[in-house]
Amino acid sequence: MDTTTGEQKLLAIIAHLSYLLGGLGFIIAPLLIFLLKKDDSFVYEHARQALVAHLAILVASALVGLLCFLLIGILLVPVLVILWLVLLVTSIIAGARALNGEYYQYPFIQGLVGKLQ
């Protein structure tokens, strides 16, 4: 039986879909949830996964942006677009899993997630 509350599910969904807030909201929202809900393992784990995924895409975007100034990064823009699409799809899947009271692990970043406690 699912014992997660509506509030827990809502906070987990907000953490995953916070990139819809625009600006740095996609980092700030999961970070705040991550820091404030350490005692709630369900919300904490979802916020941790979302935070690492969002930080990874932010770093990738910054690197590609920097390389574009050097004119070699323009070749990486399609890769960055694909990464953002992957984030969009996996975030929607993660939000759906959170709504069902299930845990979700983003692909490719579990080594980084393990380092964030």
Protein backbone atom coordinates (compact mmCIF):
# COMPACT_ATOMS: atom_id res chain seq x y z
CA MET A 1 0.00 0.00 0.00
CA ASP A 2 1.26 3.49 -0.90
CA THR A 3 2.02 5.44 2.27
CA THR A 4 3.30 8.63 0.65
CA THR A 5 1.19 11.69 1.26
CA GLY A 6 -0.04 14.19 -1.28
CA GLU A 7 2.42 16.77 0.04
CA GLN A 8 5.34 14.39 -0.42
CA LYS A 9 4.29 13.62 -3.97
CA LEU A 10 3.78 17.31 -4.78
CA LEU A 11 7.22 18.29 -3.47
CA ALA A 12 8.85 15.47 -5.43
CA ILE A 13 7.05 16.51 -8.62
CA ILE A 14 8.03 20.16 -8.08
CA ALA A 15 11.66 19.13 -7.68
CA HIS A 16 11.61 17.21 -10.97
CA LEU A 17 9.65 19.72 -13.04
CA SER A 18 11.17 22.88 -11.58
CA TYR A 19 12.91 23.69 -14.86
CA LEU A 20 9.50 24.99 -15.93
CA LEU A 21 10.06 27.85 -13.45
CA GLY A 22 12.69 29.36 -15.74
CA GLY A 23 15.87 31.12 -14.77
CA LEU A 24 17.72 29.52 -11.90
CA GLY A 25 14.45 28.22 -10.45
CA PHE A 26 15.33 24.80 -11.82
CA ILE A 27 18.29 24.73 -9.38
CA ILE A 28 16.84 26.68 -6.47
CA ALA A 29 13.60 24.68 -6.09
CA PRO A 30 15.17 21.19 -5.84
CA LEU A 31 17.98 22.62 -3.69
CA LEU A 32 15.54 24.09 -1.18
CA ILE A 33 13.48 20.91 -1.11
CA PHE A 34 16.68 18.86 -0.75
CA LEU A 35 17.89 20.98 2.19
CA LEU A 36 14.54 21.33 3.98
CA LYS A 37 13.26 17.76 3.65
CA LYS A 38 16.25 15.69 4.77
CA ASP A 39 14.05 13.86 7.26
CA ASP A 40 11.65 12.64 4.53
CA SER A 41 13.44 9.92 2.56
CA PHE A 42 10.93 9.93 -0.33
CA VAL A 43 11.08 13.68 -0.97
CA TYR A 44 14.80 13.87 -0.19
CA GLU A 45 15.69 11.17 -2.72
CA HIS A 46 13.56 12.73 -5.46
CA ALA A 47 15.01 16.19 -4.78
CA ARG A 48 18.54 14.77 -4.78
CA GLN A 49 18.01 13.06 -8.14
CA ALA A 50 16.47 16.20 -9.66
CA LEU A 51 19.14 18.51 -8.24
CA VAL A 52 22.01 16.46 -9.67
CA ALA A 53 20.29 16.13 -13.06
CA HIS A 54 19.61 19.86 -13.23
CA LEU A 55 23.14 20.76 -12.11
CA ALA A 56 24.59 18.39 -14.73
CA ILE A 57 22.59 20.02 -17.53
CA LEU A 58 23.52 23.48 -16.22
CA VAL A 59 27.22 22.61 -16.31
CA ALA A 60 26.90 21.08 -19.78
CA SER A 61 25.06 24.19 -21.01
CA ALA A 62 27.69 26.49 -19.53
CA LEU A 63 30.52 24.52 -21.10
CA VAL A 64 28.88 24.52 -24.53
CA GLY A 65 28.14 28.23 -24.17
CA LEU A 66 31.77 28.92 -23.29
CA LEU A 67 33.01 26.82 -26.17
CA CYS A 68 30.69 28.66 -28.55
CA PHE A 69 32.68 31.81 -27.83
CA LEU A 70 35.69 29.93 -29.13
CA LEU A 71 33.66 28.87 -32.21
CA ILE A 72 34.25 25.17 -31.58
CA GLY A 73 31.24 24.75 -29.31
CA ILE A 74 28.75 25.39 -32.10
CA LEU A 75 29.22 21.74 -33.06
CA LEU A 76 28.07 20.71 -29.58
CA VAL A 77 24.79 22.62 -29.68
CA PRO A 78 22.85 19.66 -31.20
CA VAL A 79 24.22 17.42 -28.43
CA LEU A 80 23.07 19.95 -25.84
CA VAL A 81 19.61 20.07 -27.41
CA ILE A 82 19.42 16.28 -27.16
CA LEU A 83 20.50 16.43 -23.50
CA TRP A 84 17.75 18.96 -22.73
CA LEU A 85 15.20 16.73 -24.47
CA VAL A 86 16.42 13.77 -22.43
CA LEU A 87 16.02 15.87 -19.27
CA LEU A 88 12.51 16.83 -20.32
CA VAL A 89 11.45 13.23 -20.94
CA THR A 90 13.14 11.79 -17.85
CA SER A 91 11.72 14.56 -15.65
CA ILE A 92 8.22 13.81 -16.84
CA ILE A 93 8.79 10.11 -16.14
CA ALA A 94 10.21 10.97 -12.70
CA GLY A 95 7.20 13.19 -11.95
CA ALA A 96 4.84 10.39 -12.94
CA ARG A 97 6.72 7.95 -10.73
CA ALA A 98 6.59 10.42 -7.83
CA LEU A 99 2.85 10.79 -8.37
CA ASN A 100 2.54 7.02 -8.02
CA GLY A 101 4.64 7.05 -4.85
CA GLU A 102 7.59 5.34 -6.53
CA TYR A 103 11.28 6.20 -6.57
CA TYR A 104 13.10 7.12 -9.78
CA GLN A 105 16.75 7.24 -10.79
CA TYR A 106 17.84 9.39 -13.71
CA PRO A 107 20.01 7.55 -16.25
CA PHE A 108 23.72 8.32 -16.62
CA ILE A 109 24.17 10.37 -13.42
CA GLN A 110 24.03 7.83 -10.61
CA GLY A 111 27.76 8.17 -9.94
CA LEU A 112 27.24 11.85 -9.22
CA VAL A 113 24.08 11.25 -7.19
CA GLY A 114 25.93 8.84 -4.95
CA LYS A 115 28.41 11.57 -4.04
CA LEU A 116 25.68 13.98 -2.90
CA GLN A 117 24.44 13.02 0.56
